[in-house]
Amino acid sequence: MDSIRENESLQDMIDTLRLELSQDISHKLRVVIVEGDDDVSFVKNVFEPDVCVYESISGKQDVKNLIESMELQDERIIGIRDVDYADRTTMPERLFCYDNCCLEMMLFSNHAVFQQIFHTYYQGTTDVEDLLGNVLQELSPLSILRRENERNQWNIDLRRAHIGDCVDTDHEILDHEKVFHKLSQTYMTPDDCKTQGNALNEDQLMDITNGHDMCRFMGAILQDKKGSLGEDRIFRLLLCNYRKEDFQTTRLYDEVRSYQQRCGMQEAKFVE
């Protein structure tokens, strides 16, 4: 069973996982708890084929709650979440984070994967390396606002920041004023955020850029014969082009592999 969102409570999920553990007589069960269905697809793609993947009830907070539950203190269960703007060093031992800000940004960080999509669907004149950097910079004011909103607990409803209709596809730029107007917030102006964003290099921007924002922007400027690809298709293309060999170059892979070595997992493993 890969998703148990239908369960009514966190305790229901804990009970389900405890039952799975109790039935694992050979002690070969390996369970990964993730935030959503995209994460389920990713783990199935790059972890060992017999690993069981469970989707949490309500995102990353419940992944953390499950890993910290006294009833699930078992080395056979780990969690994976987006780091977003949290401190990696404060995570429990069995809770791991994707490289960069989130799953999508970890996929984008593999330039060979992005190049395959770029060469098929990009019809502009910018080269692949410059395009990625330019888009990160165009998104940087919104990325800065997202980071500061999290740090300062401003509670800005950033779900309203749908940027698809704010992208000038001809010039590959974002209308920052339009995006910020949607949010109706007074904490920071687009210029304030742009100034901070300009001070960051590409690696730093990869660590604060929201993956949905990135997919929406790329989904607006990458096209096929029918028009713009859209956010969902961009993510699916990234995932389809991402191989186990790509995953093995990531910090997440190294951390999970080190964990299973510390636990003495010889036969049943999370990753090869």
Protein backbone atom coordinates (compact mmCIF):
# COMPACT_ATOMS: atom_id res chain seq x y z
CA MET A 1 0.00 0.00 0.00
CA ASP A 2 1.65 3.21 -1.19
CA SER A 3 -0.70 5.93 0.01
CA ILE A 4 -2.71 5.99 3.21
CA ARG A 5 -4.19 9.47 3.01
CA GLU A 6 -7.61 7.91 3.47
CA ASN A 7 -6.73 7.17 7.07
CA GLU A 8 -8.53 9.52 9.38
CA SER A 9 -5.73 10.50 11.71
CA LEU A 10 -2.03 10.38 12.42
CA GLN A 11 -2.68 7.60 14.92
CA ASP A 12 -4.37 5.52 12.20
CA MET A 13 -1.21 5.79 10.15
CA ILE A 14 0.97 4.91 13.12
CA ASP A 15 -1.15 1.82 13.75
CA THR A 16 -0.88 0.78 10.10
CA LEU A 17 2.90 1.09 10.14
CA ARG A 18 3.19 -0.75 13.45
CA LEU A 19 1.20 -3.63 11.94
CA GLU A 20 3.54 -3.71 8.94
CA LEU A 21 6.55 -3.87 11.27
CA SER A 22 5.05 -6.61 13.42
CA GLN A 23 4.47 -8.80 10.36
CA ASP A 24 8.07 -8.40 9.18
CA ILE A 25 9.41 -11.58 10.77
CA SER A 26 12.55 -11.62 8.64
CA HIS A 27 13.34 -8.00 9.52
CA LYS A 28 13.73 -7.11 5.85
CA LEU A 29 11.02 -4.47 5.61
CA ARG A 30 12.20 -1.02 4.53
CA VAL A 31 9.72 1.87 4.74
CA VAL A 32 10.06 5.42 3.41
CA ILE A 33 7.51 8.05 4.45
CA VAL A 34 7.22 11.02 2.09
CA GLU A 35 5.17 14.20 1.68
CA GLY A 36 3.11 13.59 -1.46
CA ASP A 37 2.45 11.50 -4.54
CA ASP A 38 5.29 13.09 -6.53
CA ASP A 39 7.68 11.92 -3.81
CA VAL A 40 6.19 8.44 -3.99
CA SER A 41 6.96 8.35 -7.72
CA PHE A 42 10.51 9.55 -7.14
CA VAL A 43 11.34 7.03 -4.41
CA LYS A 44 9.90 4.17 -6.48
CA ASN A 45 12.13 5.28 -9.34
CA VAL A 46 15.49 5.42 -7.55
CA PHE A 47 15.32 3.42 -4.30
CA GLU A 48 15.50 -0.37 -4.16
CA PRO A 49 12.42 -2.00 -5.74
CA ASP A 50 11.23 -3.76 -2.56
CA VAL A 51 11.16 -0.57 -0.47
CA CYS A 52 7.64 0.35 0.70
CA VAL A 53 6.66 3.99 0.21
CA TYR A 54 3.97 5.70 2.26
CA GLU A 55 2.52 9.14 1.66
CA SER A 56 1.89 11.16 4.81
CA ILE A 57 -1.51 12.56 5.64
CA SER A 58 -0.66 16.25 5.47
CA GLY A 59 2.80 16.95 4.12
CA LYS A 60 6.20 17.44 5.68
CA GLN A 61 5.03 18.16 9.23
CA ASP A 62 3.38 14.75 9.48
CA VAL A 63 6.49 13.10 8.03
CA LYS A 64 8.40 14.59 10.95
CA ASN A 65 5.65 13.69 13.44
CA LEU A 66 5.69 10.07 12.32
CA ILE A 67 9.47 9.76 12.48
CA GLU A 68 9.44 11.26 15.97
CA SER A 69 6.56 9.10 17.22
CA MET A 70 7.63 6.92 20.16
CA GLU A 71 5.65 4.07 18.61
CA LEU A 72 7.73 4.12 15.41
CA GLN A 73 11.27 4.26 16.78
CA ASP A 74 12.52 1.64 14.35
CA GLU A 75 15.51 1.72 12.01
CA ARG A 76 13.40 0.14 9.27
CA ILE A 77 11.46 3.41 8.84
CA ILE A 78 12.90 6.64 7.45
CA GLY A 79 11.32 9.86 6.20
CA ILE A 80 12.18 12.21 3.35
CA ARG A 81 10.95 15.79 3.06
CA ASP A 82 11.66 19.09 1.33
CA VAL A 83 14.02 21.15 3.44
CA ASP A 84 12.37 24.37 2.21
CA TYR A 85 13.78 26.93 4.66
CA ALA A 86 14.33 24.71 7.69
CA ASP A 87 17.67 23.94 9.34
CA ARG A 88 18.93 20.55 8.13
CA THR A 89 21.03 20.11 11.27
CA THR A 90 17.92 20.03 13.48
CA MET A 91 16.31 17.06 11.70
CA PRO A 92 15.92 13.72 13.54
CA GLU A 93 18.43 11.04 12.51
CA ARG A 94 15.92 9.11 10.42
CA LEU A 95 14.51 12.17 8.64
CA PHE A 96 16.33 13.13 5.46
CA CYS A 97 15.98 16.12 3.11
CA TYR A 98 16.34 16.49 -0.62
CA ASP A 99 19.34 18.38 -1.93
CA ASN A 100 18.61 22.07 -2.54
CA CYS A 101 15.24 23.48 -1.54
CA CYS A 102 13.03 20.55 -2.53
CA LEU A 103 12.61 17.54 -4.80
CA GLU A 104 12.01 19.60 -7.95
CA MET A 105 15.11 21.72 -7.40
CA MET A 106 17.23 18.63 -6.79
CA LEU A 107 16.09 17.34 -10.19
CA PHE A 108 16.83 20.69 -11.85
CA SER A 109 20.31 20.71 -10.27
CA ASN A 110 21.29 17.78 -12.47
CA HIS A 111 22.25 19.70 -15.59
CA ALA A 112 22.38 16.62 -17.82
CA VAL A 113 18.73 15.90 -17.02
CA PHE A 114 17.66 19.49 -17.67
CA GLN A 115 19.67 19.63 -20.91
CA GLN A 116 17.65 16.76 -22.37
CA ILE A 117 14.42 18.71 -21.80
CA PHE A 118 15.97 22.00 -22.95
CA HIS A 119 17.19 20.66 -26.29
CA THR A 120 13.79 19.16 -27.05
CA TYR A 121 11.44 21.94 -25.97
CA TYR A 122 13.32 25.26 -25.87
CA GLN A 123 12.80 27.47 -28.93
CA GLY A 124 14.61 30.62 -27.77
CA THR A 125 18.16 31.87 -28.22
CA THR A 126 19.59 31.58 -24.69
CA ASP A 127 22.00 28.71 -24.04
CA VAL A 128 21.12 26.08 -21.48
CA GLU A 129 23.43 27.22 -18.69
CA ASP A 130 22.37 30.85 -18.98
CA LEU A 131 18.68 29.98 -19.13
CA LEU A 132 18.75 28.12 -15.82
CA GLY A 133 20.64 30.93 -14.12
CA ASN A 134 18.39 33.61 -15.64
CA VAL A 135 15.22 31.88 -14.45
CA LEU A 136 16.62 31.47 -10.95
CA GLN A 137 17.40 35.19 -10.91
CA GLU A 138 13.97 36.14 -12.24
CA LEU A 139 12.37 34.10 -9.47
CA SER A 140 14.73 35.41 -6.78
CA PRO A 141 12.47 38.22 -5.47
CA LEU A 142 9.68 35.70 -4.83
CA SER A 143 12.19 33.20 -3.42
CA ILE A 144 13.50 35.81 -0.99
CA LEU A 145 9.96 36.64 0.11
CA ARG A 146 9.20 32.96 0.65
CA ARG A 147 12.33 32.56 2.76
CA GLU A 148 11.68 35.64 4.88
CA ASN A 149 8.02 34.70 5.32
CA GLU A 150 9.12 31.38 6.78
CA ARG A 151 11.88 32.85 8.95
CA ASN A 152 9.74 35.65 10.37
CA GLN A 153 6.42 33.77 10.48
CA TRP A 154 4.59 36.52 8.61
CA ASN A 155 1.91 34.04 7.52
CA ILE A 156 1.65 35.45 3.99
CA ASP A 157 -0.58 33.16 1.95
CA LEU A 158 1.92 32.36 -0.78
CA ARG A 159 -0.46 29.91 -2.40
CA ARG A 160 -1.80 32.95 -4.23
CA ALA A 161 1.55 33.45 -5.96
CA HIS A 162 0.58 31.63 -9.15
CA ILE A 163 3.14 33.00 -11.56
CA GLY A 164 2.04 31.35 -14.81
CA ASP A 165 0.21 34.45 -16.04
CA CYS A 166 3.05 36.72 -14.86
CA VAL A 167 5.72 35.29 -17.15
CA ASP A 168 6.61 37.26 -20.29
CA THR A 169 7.45 34.28 -22.49
CA ASP A 170 8.94 36.41 -25.29
CA HIS A 171 11.51 38.06 -23.03
CA GLU A 172 11.68 35.26 -20.43
CA ILE A 173 11.11 37.60 -17.50
CA LEU A 174 8.73 37.68 -14.56
CA ASP A 175 6.44 40.62 -13.78
CA HIS A 176 7.45 41.01 -10.15
CA GLU A 177 5.03 43.85 -9.47
CA LYS A 178 2.12 41.72 -10.64
CA VAL A 179 3.19 38.75 -8.52
CA PHE A 180 3.63 40.85 -5.38
CA HIS A 181 0.31 42.62 -5.98
CA LYS A 182 -1.45 39.26 -5.85
CA LEU A 183 -0.05 38.67 -2.36
CA SER A 184 -1.31 41.93 -0.81
CA GLN A 185 1.56 42.06 1.69
CA THR A 186 3.48 45.06 2.99
CA TYR A 187 6.56 43.44 4.52
CA MET A 188 8.86 43.64 1.49
CA THR A 189 8.76 45.30 -1.93
CA PRO A 190 9.86 43.59 -5.15
CA ASP A 191 12.91 45.89 -5.23
CA ASP A 192 13.85 44.95 -1.64
CA CYS A 193 13.75 41.28 -2.55
CA LYS A 194 15.49 41.77 -5.89
CA THR A 195 18.42 43.50 -4.19
CA GLN A 196 18.88 40.54 -1.85
CA GLY A 197 18.47 38.05 -4.69
CA ASN A 198 21.12 39.77 -6.80
CA ALA A 199 23.65 39.13 -4.03
CA LEU A 200 23.22 35.34 -4.26
CA ASN A 201 25.04 32.97 -6.58
CA GLU A 202 23.36 30.15 -8.51
CA ASP A 203 23.98 27.49 -5.86
CA GLN A 204 22.48 29.73 -3.18
CA LEU A 205 19.46 30.43 -5.36
CA MET A 206 18.96 26.69 -5.92
CA ASP A 207 18.66 26.35 -2.15
CA ILE A 208 15.87 28.93 -1.77
CA THR A 209 13.89 28.64 -5.02
CA ASN A 210 10.51 26.96 -4.70
CA GLY A 211 10.24 23.98 -7.05
CA HIS A 212 6.67 24.76 -8.09
CA ASP A 213 7.71 28.30 -9.04
CA MET A 214 10.57 26.89 -11.11
CA CYS A 215 8.34 24.35 -12.88
CA ARG A 216 5.70 27.01 -13.59
CA PHE A 217 8.24 29.39 -15.10
CA MET A 218 9.90 26.68 -17.18
CA GLY A 219 6.47 25.34 -18.10
CA ALA A 220 5.59 28.74 -19.54
CA ILE A 221 8.70 29.19 -21.71
CA LEU A 222 9.31 25.59 -22.84
CA GLN A 223 6.93 24.57 -25.60
CA ASP A 224 5.91 21.85 -27.98
CA LYS A 225 3.71 22.19 -31.08
CA LYS A 226 0.62 22.63 -28.91
CA GLY A 227 2.08 25.47 -26.84
CA SER A 228 3.56 25.84 -23.35
CA LEU A 229 4.26 22.58 -21.52
CA GLY A 230 2.94 23.67 -18.11
CA GLU A 231 4.11 22.90 -14.58
CA ASP A 232 3.00 19.27 -14.29
CA ARG A 233 4.56 18.19 -17.55
CA ILE A 234 7.88 19.83 -16.67
CA PHE A 235 8.03 17.82 -13.44
CA ARG A 236 7.09 14.58 -15.23
CA LEU A 237 9.82 15.15 -17.81
CA LEU A 238 12.39 15.78 -15.08
CA LEU A 239 11.34 12.62 -13.26
CA CYS A 240 11.29 10.47 -16.40
CA ASN A 241 14.79 11.57 -17.38
CA TYR A 242 16.23 11.10 -13.89
CA ARG A 243 18.09 7.80 -13.38
CA LYS A 244 19.42 5.88 -10.42
CA GLU A 245 22.90 6.93 -11.53
CA ASP A 246 21.86 10.57 -11.18
CA PHE A 247 20.50 9.96 -7.71
CA GLN A 248 23.77 8.36 -6.67
CA THR A 249 25.54 11.70 -7.11
CA THR A 250 23.36 13.46 -4.51
CA ARG A 251 23.85 14.27 -0.86
CA LEU A 252 20.54 12.54 -0.08
CA TYR A 253 21.82 9.27 -1.52
CA ASP A 254 25.06 9.51 0.46
CA GLU A 255 23.21 10.22 3.70
CA VAL A 256 20.74 7.34 3.28
CA ARG A 257 23.54 4.97 2.31
CA SER A 258 25.62 6.01 5.33
CA TYR A 259 22.58 5.50 7.57
CA GLN A 260 21.95 1.95 6.37
CA GLN A 261 25.64 1.13 6.81
CA ARG A 262 25.54 2.38 10.40
CA CYS A 263 22.48 0.21 10.98
CA GLY A 264 24.25 -2.84 9.57
CA MET A 265 21.76 -3.42 6.75
CA GLN A 266 23.47 -6.08 4.68
CA GLU A 267 20.71 -7.70 2.62
CA ALA A 268 17.57 -5.56 2.63
CA LYS A 269 18.57 -1.98 1.89
CA PHE A 270 16.99 1.34 1.06
CA VAL A 271 19.48 2.09 -1.72
CA GLU A 272 22.07 -0.01 -3.46
